[in-house]
Protein backbone atom coordinates (compact mmCIF):
# COMPACT_ATOMS: atom_id res chain seq x y z
CA MET A 1 84.08 97.08 82.18
CA LYS A 2 82.73 94.52 84.59
CA ARG A 3 84.10 94.96 88.10
CA GLN A 4 85.97 92.05 89.62
CA HIS A 5 84.55 90.82 92.91
CA VAL A 6 87.42 88.42 93.66
CA SER A 7 90.41 90.14 95.18
CA LEU A 8 93.96 88.86 94.83
CA PRO A 9 94.20 87.53 98.43
CA ILE A 10 90.95 85.60 98.02
CA ALA A 11 92.12 84.23 94.67
CA VAL A 12 95.37 83.04 96.26
CA VAL A 13 93.55 81.28 99.10
CA ALA A 14 91.14 79.74 96.59
CA ALA A 15 94.07 78.49 94.53
CA VAL A 16 95.64 76.90 97.62
CA GLY A 17 92.32 75.24 98.42
CA SER A 18 92.05 73.88 94.89
CA ILE A 19 95.60 72.57 94.96
CA PHE A 20 95.00 70.87 98.29
CA ILE A 21 92.14 68.89 96.72
CA VAL A 22 93.53 68.28 93.23
CA ALA A 23 97.22 67.68 94.00
CA PRO A 24 96.81 64.28 95.75
CA VAL A 25 94.84 62.93 92.80
CA MET A 26 97.42 64.24 90.34
CA ALA A 27 100.21 62.71 92.42
CA LEU A 28 98.42 59.37 92.36
CA LEU A 29 98.09 59.51 88.59
CA VAL A 30 101.82 60.19 88.28
CA ARG A 31 102.54 56.97 90.18
CA VAL A 32 100.26 54.81 88.03
CA PRO A 33 102.19 52.16 86.03
CA TRP A 34 100.76 53.28 82.69
CA GLY A 35 103.13 51.00 80.75
CA HIS A 36 101.55 47.84 82.12
CA LEU A 37 98.20 49.18 83.26
CA LEU A 38 96.22 46.58 81.31
CA THR A 39 98.33 43.79 82.77
CA GLU A 40 97.52 44.90 86.30
CA LEU A 41 93.82 45.36 85.52
CA SER A 42 93.57 41.93 83.89
CA SER A 43 95.05 40.02 86.82
CA GLN A 44 92.75 37.45 88.37
CA ASP A 45 92.38 39.36 91.63
CA SER A 46 91.53 42.57 89.76
CA VAL A 47 89.00 40.86 87.49
CA ASN A 48 87.28 39.18 90.45
CA ALA A 49 87.12 42.44 92.37
CA LEU A 50 85.76 44.28 89.33
CA ARG A 51 83.12 41.59 88.76
CA ILE A 52 81.94 41.68 92.37
CA SER A 53 81.91 45.48 92.40
CA LEU A 54 79.87 45.75 89.21
CA MET A 55 77.37 43.06 90.15
CA SER A 56 76.85 44.26 93.71
CA SER A 57 76.66 47.97 92.81
CA LEU A 58 74.17 47.37 89.99
CA LEU A 59 71.95 45.22 92.21
CA ALA A 60 72.24 47.79 95.01
CA THR A 61 71.19 50.50 92.56
CA LEU A 62 68.10 48.57 91.48
CA LEU A 63 67.08 48.07 95.10
CA ALA A 64 67.81 51.73 95.88
CA VAL A 65 65.52 52.82 93.03
CA ALA A 66 62.75 50.42 94.06
CA LEU A 67 62.86 51.61 97.67
CA GLY A 68 64.10 55.16 97.25
CA VAL A 69 61.65 56.56 94.69
CA PRO A 70 58.57 55.87 96.86
CA LEU A 71 60.48 57.21 99.85
CA ALA A 72 61.34 60.40 97.95
CA TRP A 73 57.65 60.82 97.00
CA MET A 74 56.63 60.43 100.62
CA LEU A 75 59.17 63.04 101.71
CA ALA A 76 58.00 65.44 98.98
CA ARG A 77 54.26 65.02 99.46
CA GLY A 78 53.84 63.52 102.92
CA PRO A 79 52.74 65.46 106.02
CA ARG A 80 55.43 67.89 107.11
CA SER A 81 54.97 66.89 110.73
CA LEU A 82 56.28 63.45 109.75
CA THR A 83 58.77 64.20 106.99
CA GLN A 84 60.74 66.74 109.02
CA PHE A 85 61.75 63.93 111.37
CA ILE A 86 62.26 61.24 108.72
CA ARG A 87 64.41 63.27 106.31
CA PRO A 88 67.42 63.69 108.65
CA LEU A 89 67.34 59.97 109.43
CA VAL A 90 67.16 59.03 105.75
CA THR A 91 70.19 61.19 104.94
CA LEU A 92 72.18 60.03 107.98
CA PRO A 93 74.36 57.58 105.98
CA LEU A 94 75.78 60.58 104.11
CA VAL A 95 77.66 61.70 107.22
CA LEU A 96 77.86 58.47 109.23
CA PRO A 97 81.41 57.08 109.63
CA PRO A 98 81.70 54.04 107.30
CA THR A 99 82.72 51.61 110.04
CA VAL A 100 79.78 52.75 112.16
CA ALA A 101 77.51 52.16 109.15
CA GLY A 102 78.85 48.63 108.85
CA LEU A 103 78.40 48.03 112.55
CA ALA A 104 74.82 49.30 112.32
CA LEU A 105 74.13 46.80 109.54
CA LEU A 106 75.60 44.04 111.69
CA ALA A 107 73.39 45.09 114.60
CA LEU A 108 70.34 44.84 112.37
CA LEU A 109 71.11 41.98 109.97
CA GLY A 110 73.88 40.04 111.69
CA ARG A 111 73.40 36.51 112.96
CA ASN A 112 72.57 37.97 116.38
CA GLY A 113 71.03 41.14 114.98
CA VAL A 114 67.56 42.52 115.59
CA ILE A 115 66.22 41.09 112.31
CA GLY A 116 69.14 38.88 111.31
CA SER A 117 68.63 36.59 114.29
CA LEU A 118 65.05 35.91 113.20
CA ILE A 119 66.21 35.14 109.65
CA PHE A 120 68.94 32.84 110.94
CA GLN A 121 66.58 30.97 113.24
CA ALA A 122 64.07 30.47 110.43
CA THR A 123 66.44 29.61 107.58
CA GLY A 124 69.90 28.94 109.03
CA TRP A 125 71.29 31.64 106.71
CA ALA A 126 73.12 34.75 107.87
CA MET A 127 73.79 37.74 105.62
CA PRO A 128 77.13 39.02 106.97
CA PHE A 129 80.22 38.07 104.95
CA THR A 130 78.19 37.09 101.90
CA PHE A 131 77.71 38.75 98.52
CA MET A 132 74.32 40.05 99.65
CA ALA A 133 76.06 41.83 102.52
CA VAL A 134 78.03 43.84 99.94
CA VAL A 135 74.75 44.67 98.20
CA ALA A 136 73.08 45.71 101.46
CA ALA A 137 75.99 48.01 102.29
CA GLY A 138 75.71 49.55 98.82
CA VAL A 139 72.00 50.22 99.28
CA PHE A 140 72.57 51.74 102.71
CA VAL A 141 75.20 54.24 101.57
CA GLY A 142 73.85 54.88 98.07
CA MET A 143 70.12 55.29 98.50
CA PRO A 144 70.29 58.65 100.33
CA PHE A 145 71.84 60.23 97.22
CA LEU A 146 68.98 58.97 95.07
CA VAL A 147 66.35 60.07 97.60
CA LEU A 148 67.73 63.62 97.75
CA VAL A 149 67.82 64.01 93.96
CA VAL A 150 64.41 62.46 93.31
CA GLU A 151 62.75 64.33 96.16
CA SER A 152 64.03 67.56 94.65
CA GLY A 153 62.49 66.53 91.33
CA PHE A 154 59.13 65.73 92.93
CA ALA A 155 59.16 68.99 94.89
CA GLN A 156 59.43 71.00 91.65
CA LEU A 157 56.42 69.35 90.02
CA PRO A 158 53.35 71.61 89.69
CA ARG A 159 50.63 70.35 91.98
CA GLU A 160 47.97 71.40 89.48
CA VAL A 161 48.68 68.32 87.34
CA GLU A 162 48.22 66.01 90.32
CA GLU A 163 45.06 67.82 91.39
CA ALA A 164 43.65 67.52 87.86
CA ALA A 165 44.34 63.79 87.85
CA GLU A 166 42.70 63.46 91.25
CA THR A 167 39.66 65.34 89.95
CA ASP A 168 39.45 62.83 87.09
CA GLY A 169 39.24 60.02 89.64
CA ALA A 170 42.86 58.87 89.79
CA GLN A 171 43.86 57.12 93.00
CA ALA A 172 46.98 58.01 95.00
CA ASN A 173 48.98 55.09 93.54
CA GLN A 174 47.95 56.03 90.00
CA ILE A 175 49.01 59.64 90.54
CA PHE A 176 52.37 58.47 91.78
CA LEU A 177 53.03 55.88 89.06
CA ASN A 178 51.34 57.47 86.04
CA VAL A 179 51.68 61.19 86.72
CA ALA A 180 54.57 61.95 89.04
CA VAL A 181 57.18 59.29 88.21
CA PRO A 182 57.16 59.85 84.42
CA GLN A 183 57.82 63.56 84.97
CA VAL A 184 60.93 62.97 87.08
CA ARG A 185 62.57 60.30 84.94
CA GLY A 186 65.65 62.48 84.58
CA SER A 187 65.96 62.89 88.35
CA ILE A 188 65.58 59.15 88.86
CA VAL A 189 68.33 58.43 86.32
CA THR A 190 70.60 61.03 87.94
CA GLY A 191 69.93 59.67 91.42
CA ALA A 192 70.48 56.09 90.26
CA ILE A 193 73.86 56.97 88.73
CA LEU A 194 74.95 58.71 91.92
CA ALA A 195 73.75 55.77 94.03
CA TRP A 196 75.62 53.36 91.75
CA ALA A 197 78.84 55.38 91.94
CA ARG A 198 78.58 55.55 95.73
CA ALA A 199 77.92 51.81 96.03
CA LEU A 200 80.80 51.05 93.66
CA GLY A 201 83.23 53.02 95.80
CA GLU A 202 82.04 51.88 99.23
CA PHE A 203 84.74 50.47 101.47
CA GLY A 204 84.27 50.87 105.24
CA ALA A 205 80.69 49.69 105.67
CA ALA A 206 81.16 46.84 103.21
CA LEU A 207 84.41 45.72 104.86
CA THR A 208 82.84 45.73 108.31
CA PHE A 209 79.63 43.98 107.26
CA ALA A 210 80.78 41.77 104.38
CA GLY A 211 84.48 41.21 104.98
CA SER A 212 87.07 40.94 102.24
CA MET A 213 86.92 37.40 100.89
CA PRO A 214 88.52 37.00 97.44
CA GLY A 215 85.98 36.14 94.77
CA ILE A 216 83.05 36.55 97.16
CA THR A 217 82.97 39.93 98.88
CA ARG A 218 86.24 41.65 97.93
CA THR A 219 85.36 44.71 95.85
CA LEU A 220 87.62 47.14 93.99
CA PRO A 221 88.21 49.44 97.00
CA MET A 222 89.03 46.41 99.16
CA GLN A 223 91.41 45.06 96.52
CA VAL A 224 93.16 48.45 96.45
CA TYR A 225 93.61 48.26 100.23
CA VAL A 226 94.95 44.69 100.07
CA ALA A 227 97.26 45.49 97.16
CA LEU A 228 98.87 48.35 99.13
CA GLU A 229 100.77 45.74 101.14
CA SER A 230 101.78 43.37 98.35
CA ASN A 231 101.41 44.98 94.90
CA LEU A 232 101.52 48.77 94.88
CA ALA A 233 101.31 48.91 91.09
CA ASN A 234 98.02 47.01 91.20
CA ALA A 235 96.66 49.39 93.84
CA TYR A 236 97.46 52.41 91.67
CA ALA A 237 96.00 50.77 88.56
CA LEU A 238 92.71 49.95 90.25
CA SER A 239 92.58 53.43 91.75
CA VAL A 240 92.58 54.85 88.22
CA VAL A 241 89.38 52.94 87.47
CA LEU A 242 87.63 54.41 90.50
CA ILE A 243 88.93 57.92 89.76
CA VAL A 244 87.71 57.74 86.16
CA VAL A 245 84.27 56.61 87.30
CA SER A 246 84.05 59.36 89.92
CA VAL A 247 85.21 62.15 87.60
CA THR A 248 82.94 60.99 84.79
CA VAL A 249 79.88 60.89 87.05
CA LEU A 250 80.62 64.34 88.47
CA TYR A 251 81.11 65.94 85.07
CA VAL A 252 78.12 64.30 83.44
CA MET A 253 75.85 65.06 86.40
CA ARG A 254 77.20 68.51 87.31
CA SER A 255 74.20 70.52 86.05
CA GLU A 256 71.72 68.16 87.73
CA LEU A 257 73.67 68.28 90.98
CA MET A 258 73.75 72.07 90.97
CA SER A 259 69.98 72.09 90.48
CA VAL A 260 69.52 69.80 93.47
CA PHE A 261 71.75 71.94 95.69
CA ARG A 262 69.93 75.11 94.65
CA ASN A 263 66.56 73.58 95.55
CA ALA A 264 67.68 71.79 98.70
C-alpha cells in the first residue's frame, strides 16, 4: 500500500487555503442574477464595454506577439551578460502595482511624457485617454506572459538543429524565422492566449492611462467598477464573463503552464 505523505493537519490547512481562494468566487456566482443574465449582458453599456475589451485585447495580443517573440528569442539565445539584466526588467509588469504601471505609461507616452511629448509636438495627437491607450496598457501587462512562455519553448529547442542550419549557410534571421519559430508554435499560441486574457482583464493601468470614457476606453473591468455604484446586477453579470474566460484559459493551458514553471 502506498504511504500517504500528507498528514491530517497539513490537509486541513490546505483545505482552508483552498477555501480562502475559491469561496469568494463561489459567493460571487451565488449573487449573479441568472434569471436575467442575458438582459444585463445585452445592455448598451455592457455591449460597448465588451466591444472595446475584445478589440483592444486582440490588438494588444497581436502587438505582444510581434514584439514579444523576437524578445523571447533574444533572451533565450542572447549573451547571458546582457539577458540576465534584461529579463527582470521585461517581467517587471508582472509584479508592478497596476496604478504604477499606468503612471509609467503616462510618463513615457503622455502629452508631456518622454516620448509622448515628441509625438504631440510633431502631430498634435496624444495617446492618453484614447482607444490606443487601452491597447498600450494591454501590451504592457500582457507581453511578459508571452515572453516567459515563448522563451521557455526556445530554451528547450536542441541547438544541433540551429547549428546544422547555420552550417548550411542560413543567416541568423533565417534560423529564427524558418527554424526556431515553427518549432515553438505551440508556445507562441499559449503565450498569446495568456497575453490576451491578461489584457482583457486589465483595470488599473488602463484606468490610469486611458481613463473610463463610455464607448471609447471603458472596458469590461471598468464597467464592472462603474456598475458597482449604480447597477449591482450588471456588475455581477459582467464578472461572470471575466470569470469564465479566466477559468477556461487556466484549464485549457494548465499542462503548458506547468511545463513553463518546471523549466523556469
